């Protein structure tokens, strides 16, 4: 439950706003800026611990499933996975699980969002055969594959 108060109420009576925060989150409305969310630290820590536990569990579940089954499990949420080649589906599943866990442990969900954006873009390329051929084929003046680096 989120209670809303005005910035002026927080300034006038911070103890009553703190009491509201003991009951649930408090959205502090401001005229001159984005609203603030006041929440107790113990609730944030619990949510963070839960996210990390869920991420670890999902990573383990996906790691123990055959790659095609794991990819199919993610199709409802990410239907574009279906246009990826089979080897890239497996790579997506692994990247998704790693990014999910990293995001949960860092509390920074942009890591997962970036991973999903990048794979969606990859799927869009595979969905357009002309574009895929252009990006994977030789170009004028192409000197062939670049050899792997060697240690001196």
C-alpha atoms as a PDB file:
ATOM      1  CA  UNK A   1       0.000   0.000   0.000  1.00  0.00           C
ATOM      2  CA  UNK A   2       1.351   3.432  -0.943  1.00  0.00           C
ATOM      3  CA  UNK A   3       0.173   6.567   0.835  1.00  0.00           C
ATOM      4  CA  UNK A   4       0.561   9.947  -0.815  1.00  0.00           C
ATOM      5  CA  UNK A   5       1.548  13.144   0.969  1.00  0.00           C
ATOM      6  CA  UNK A   6       2.609  16.579  -0.204  1.00  0.00           C
ATOM      7  CA  UNK A   7       6.168  17.825   0.264  1.00  0.00           C
ATOM      8  CA  UNK A   8       4.842  20.521   2.574  1.00  0.00           C
ATOM      9  CA  UNK A   9       3.322  17.864   4.881  1.00  0.00           C
ATOM     10  CA  UNK A  10       6.724  16.151   5.139  1.00  0.00           C
ATOM     11  CA  UNK A  11       8.306  19.479   6.041  1.00  0.00           C
ATOM     12  CA  UNK A  12       5.609  20.413   8.599  1.00  0.00           C
ATOM     13  CA  UNK A  13       5.202  17.052  10.301  1.00  0.00           C
ATOM     14  CA  UNK A  14       8.020  14.611   9.511  1.00  0.00           C
ATOM     15  CA  UNK A  15       7.130  12.309  12.433  1.00  0.00           C
ATOM     16  CA  UNK A  16       3.636  11.595  11.103  1.00  0.00           C
ATOM     17  CA  UNK A  17       5.058  10.918   7.623  1.00  0.00           C
ATOM     18  CA  UNK A  18       7.637   8.581   9.187  1.00  0.00           C
ATOM     19  CA  UNK A  19       4.777   6.783  10.967  1.00  0.00           C
ATOM     20  CA  UNK A  20       3.036   6.362   7.609  1.00  0.00           C
ATOM     21  CA  UNK A  21       6.259   4.859   6.227  1.00  0.00           C
ATOM     22  CA  UNK A  22       6.138   2.260   8.996  1.00  0.00           C
ATOM     23  CA  UNK A  23       2.817   1.116   7.535  1.00  0.00           C
ATOM     24  CA  UNK A  24       3.889   1.124   3.885  1.00  0.00           C
ATOM     25  CA  UNK A  25       5.569   3.190   1.199  1.00  0.00           C
ATOM     26  CA  UNK A  26       4.928   6.931   1.099  1.00  0.00           C
ATOM     27  CA  UNK A  27       4.913   8.851  -2.180  1.00  0.00           C
ATOM     28  CA  UNK A  28       5.943  12.441  -1.538  1.00  0.00           C
ATOM     29  CA  UNK A  29       4.454  14.703  -4.218  1.00  0.00           C
ATOM     30  CA  UNK A  30       6.526  17.720  -5.249  1.00  0.00           C
ATOM     31  CA  UNK A  31       5.550  20.566  -7.543  1.00  0.00           C
ATOM     32  CA  UNK A  32       9.087  21.353  -8.645  1.00  0.00           C
ATOM     33  CA  UNK A  33      10.447  17.888  -9.243  1.00  0.00           C
ATOM     34  CA  UNK A  34       9.801  14.196  -9.556  1.00  0.00           C
ATOM     35  CA  UNK A  35       7.895  12.545  -6.743  1.00  0.00           C
ATOM     36  CA  UNK A  36       9.921  10.823  -4.045  1.00  0.00           C
ATOM     37  CA  UNK A  37       9.266   7.403  -2.589  1.00  0.00           C
ATOM     38  CA  UNK A  38       9.917   6.969   1.101  1.00  0.00           C
ATOM     39  CA  UNK A  39      10.272   3.368   2.214  1.00  0.00           C
ATOM     40  CA  UNK A  40      11.836   1.514   5.110  1.00  0.00           C
ATOM     41  CA  UNK A  41      15.265   0.040   4.550  1.00  0.00           C
ATOM     42  CA  UNK A  42      14.278  -3.404   5.862  1.00  0.00           C
ATOM     43  CA  UNK A  43      11.605  -3.707   3.140  1.00  0.00           C
ATOM     44  CA  UNK A  44      14.086  -2.734   0.444  1.00  0.00           C
ATOM     45  CA  UNK A  45      16.644  -5.248   1.755  1.00  0.00           C
ATOM     46  CA  UNK A  46      14.005  -8.009   1.794  1.00  0.00           C
ATOM     47  CA  UNK A  47      13.015  -7.237  -1.786  1.00  0.00           C
ATOM     48  CA  UNK A  48      16.659  -7.275  -2.820  1.00  0.00           C
ATOM     49  CA  UNK A  49      17.287 -10.615  -1.119  1.00  0.00           C
ATOM     50  CA  UNK A  50      14.180 -12.043  -2.777  1.00  0.00           C
ATOM     51  CA  UNK A  51      15.318 -10.830  -6.202  1.00  0.00           C
ATOM     52  CA  UNK A  52      18.731 -12.432  -5.780  1.00  0.00           C
ATOM     53  CA  UNK A  53      17.185 -15.727  -4.618  1.00  0.00           C
ATOM     54  CA  UNK A  54      14.778 -15.736  -7.586  1.00  0.00           C
ATOM     55  CA  UNK A  55      17.594 -14.943 -10.013  1.00  0.00           C
ATOM     56  CA  UNK A  56      19.772 -17.748  -8.682  1.00  0.00           C
ATOM     57  CA  UNK A  57      16.895 -20.207  -8.816  1.00  0.00           C
ATOM     58  CA  UNK A  58      16.013 -19.234 -12.393  1.00  0.00           C
ATOM     59  CA  UNK A  59      19.653 -19.509 -13.466  1.00  0.00           C
ATOM     60  CA  UNK A  60      19.838 -23.013 -11.995  1.00  0.00           C
ATOM     61  CA  UNK A  61      16.547 -24.101 -13.554  1.00  0.00           C
ATOM     62  CA  UNK A  62      17.566 -22.820 -16.988  1.00  0.00           C
ATOM     63  CA  UNK A  63      21.012 -24.424 -16.676  1.00  0.00           C
ATOM     64  CA  UNK A  64      19.488 -27.857 -16.004  1.00  0.00           C
ATOM     65  CA  UNK A  65      16.989 -27.755 -18.860  1.00  0.00           C
ATOM     66  CA  UNK A  66      17.882 -28.732 -22.407  1.00  0.00           C
ATOM     67  CA  UNK A  67      18.595 -25.524 -24.341  1.00  0.00           C
ATOM     68  CA  UNK A  68      15.572 -25.890 -26.631  1.00  0.00           C
ATOM     69  CA  UNK A  69      13.254 -26.403 -23.643  1.00  0.00           C
ATOM     70  CA  UNK A  70      14.726 -23.391 -21.829  1.00  0.00           C
ATOM     71  CA  UNK A  71      14.354 -21.208 -24.935  1.00  0.00           C
ATOM     72  CA  UNK A  72      10.752 -22.371 -25.401  1.00  0.00           C
ATOM     73  CA  UNK A  73      10.039 -21.531 -21.761  1.00  0.00           C
ATOM     74  CA  UNK A  74      11.027 -17.919 -22.463  1.00  0.00           C
ATOM     75  CA  UNK A  75       8.955 -17.674 -25.682  1.00  0.00           C
ATOM     76  CA  UNK A  76       5.783 -16.458 -23.951  1.00  0.00           C
ATOM     77  CA  UNK A  77       7.594 -13.411 -22.644  1.00  0.00           C
ATOM     78  CA  UNK A  78       9.968 -12.966 -25.582  1.00  0.00           C
ATOM     79  CA  UNK A  79       8.246 -14.321 -28.716  1.00  0.00           C
ATOM     80  CA  UNK A  80      11.046 -12.984 -30.938  1.00  0.00           C
ATOM     81  CA  UNK A  81      13.348 -15.731 -29.557  1.00  0.00           C
ATOM     82  CA  UNK A  82      11.632 -18.030 -32.048  1.00  0.00           C
ATOM     83  CA  UNK A  83      13.417 -16.375 -35.006  1.00  0.00           C
ATOM     84  CA  UNK A  84      16.893 -16.872 -33.530  1.00  0.00           C
ATOM     85  CA  UNK A  85      18.967 -19.779 -34.873  1.00  0.00           C
ATOM     86  CA  UNK A  86      19.099 -22.706 -32.444  1.00  0.00           C
ATOM     87  CA  UNK A  87      22.679 -22.040 -31.297  1.00  0.00           C
ATOM     88  CA  UNK A  88      21.797 -18.398 -30.603  1.00  0.00           C
ATOM     89  CA  UNK A  89      18.690 -19.426 -28.652  1.00  0.00           C
ATOM     90  CA  UNK A  90      20.965 -21.298 -26.253  1.00  0.00           C
ATOM     91  CA  UNK A  91      23.258 -18.280 -26.040  1.00  0.00           C
ATOM     92  CA  UNK A  92      20.281 -16.002 -25.318  1.00  0.00           C
ATOM     93  CA  UNK A  93      19.117 -18.254 -22.481  1.00  0.00           C
ATOM     94  CA  UNK A  94      22.589 -18.207 -20.899  1.00  0.00           C
ATOM     95  CA  UNK A  95      22.962 -14.428 -21.340  1.00  0.00           C
ATOM     96  CA  UNK A  96      19.469 -13.819 -19.956  1.00  0.00           C
ATOM     97  CA  UNK A  97      20.132 -15.915 -16.850  1.00  0.00           C
ATOM     98  CA  UNK A  98      23.486 -14.204 -16.200  1.00  0.00           C
ATOM     99  CA  UNK A  99      22.071 -10.711 -16.740  1.00  0.00           C
ATOM    100  CA  UNK A 100      19.086 -11.469 -14.505  1.00  0.00           C
ATOM    101  CA  UNK A 101      21.340 -12.596 -11.685  1.00  0.00           C
ATOM    102  CA  UNK A 102      23.760  -9.683 -12.140  1.00  0.00           C
ATOM    103  CA  UNK A 103      20.856  -7.212 -12.115  1.00  0.00           C
ATOM    104  CA  UNK A 104      19.395  -8.730  -8.964  1.00  0.00           C
ATOM    105  CA  UNK A 105      22.703  -8.747  -7.130  1.00  0.00           C
ATOM    106  CA  UNK A 106      23.569  -5.192  -8.195  1.00  0.00           C
ATOM    107  CA  UNK A 107      20.051  -3.852  -7.748  1.00  0.00           C
ATOM    108  CA  UNK A 108      20.523  -2.331 -11.203  1.00  0.00           C
ATOM    109  CA  UNK A 109      17.980  -3.726 -13.647  1.00  0.00           C
ATOM    110  CA  UNK A 110      19.382  -1.821 -16.613  1.00  0.00           C
ATOM    111  CA  UNK A 111      21.821  -4.727 -17.073  1.00  0.00           C
ATOM    112  CA  UNK A 112      18.948  -7.098 -17.854  1.00  0.00           C
ATOM    113  CA  UNK A 113      17.114  -4.493 -19.922  1.00  0.00           C
ATOM    114  CA  UNK A 114      20.212  -3.935 -22.073  1.00  0.00           C
ATOM    115  CA  UNK A 115      20.668  -7.683 -22.623  1.00  0.00           C
ATOM    116  CA  UNK A 116      17.038  -8.071 -23.720  1.00  0.00           C
ATOM    117  CA  UNK A 117      17.302  -5.014 -26.041  1.00  0.00           C
ATOM    118  CA  UNK A 118      20.444  -6.390 -27.678  1.00  0.00           C
ATOM    119  CA  UNK A 119      18.952  -9.848 -28.249  1.00  0.00           C
ATOM    120  CA  UNK A 120      15.701  -8.351 -29.585  1.00  0.00           C
ATOM    121  CA  UNK A 121      17.799  -6.401 -32.098  1.00  0.00           C
ATOM    122  CA  UNK A 122      19.637  -9.587 -33.050  1.00  0.00           C
ATOM    123  CA  UNK A 123      16.296 -11.333 -33.584  1.00  0.00           C
ATOM    124  CA  UNK A 124      15.113  -8.435 -35.765  1.00  0.00           C
ATOM    125  CA  UNK A 125      18.158  -8.927 -37.987  1.00  0.00           C
ATOM    126  CA  UNK A 126      17.460 -12.665 -38.309  1.00  0.00           C
ATOM    127  CA  UNK A 127      13.815 -11.914 -39.131  1.00  0.00           C
ATOM    128  CA  UNK A 128      14.902  -9.930 -42.204  1.00  0.00           C
ATOM    129  CA  UNK A 129      16.747 -12.371 -44.514  1.00  0.00           C
ATOM    130  CA  UNK A 130      18.072  -9.598 -46.764  1.00  0.00           C
ATOM    131  CA  UNK A 131      19.523  -7.678 -43.833  1.00  0.00           C
ATOM    132  CA  UNK A 132      20.939 -10.865 -42.295  1.00  0.00           C
ATOM    133  CA  UNK A 133      22.650 -11.744 -45.590  1.00  0.00           C
ATOM    134  CA  UNK A 134      24.089  -8.246 -45.902  1.00  0.00           C
ATOM    135  CA  UNK A 135      25.478  -8.301 -42.366  1.00  0.00           C
ATOM    136  CA  UNK A 136      26.937 -11.803 -42.559  1.00  0.00           C
ATOM    137  CA  UNK A 137      28.207 -11.850 -46.120  1.00  0.00           C
ATOM    138  CA  UNK A 138      31.427 -10.487 -47.541  1.00  0.00           C
ATOM    139  CA  UNK A 139      31.762  -6.798 -48.298  1.00  0.00           C
ATOM    140  CA  UNK A 140      33.734  -5.100 -51.061  1.00  0.00           C
ATOM    141  CA  UNK A 141      37.409  -5.128 -50.159  1.00  0.00           C
ATOM    142  CA  UNK A 142      36.870  -7.893 -47.609  1.00  0.00           C
ATOM    143  CA  UNK A 143      40.146  -9.589 -46.740  1.00  0.00           C
ATOM    144  CA  UNK A 144      38.494 -12.605 -45.124  1.00  0.00           C
ATOM    145  CA  UNK A 145      38.156 -13.650 -41.522  1.00  0.00           C
ATOM    146  CA  UNK A 146      40.379 -12.050 -38.936  1.00  0.00           C
ATOM    147  CA  UNK A 147      42.595 -14.648 -37.258  1.00  0.00           C
ATOM    148  CA  UNK A 148      42.365 -15.065 -33.505  1.00  0.00           C
ATOM    149  CA  UNK A 149      44.989 -13.171 -31.539  1.00  0.00           C
ATOM    150  CA  UNK A 150      48.094 -15.094 -30.556  1.00  0.00           C
ATOM    151  CA  UNK A 151      50.300 -14.557 -27.558  1.00  0.00           C
ATOM    152  CA  UNK A 152      53.802 -13.372 -28.309  1.00  0.00           C
END
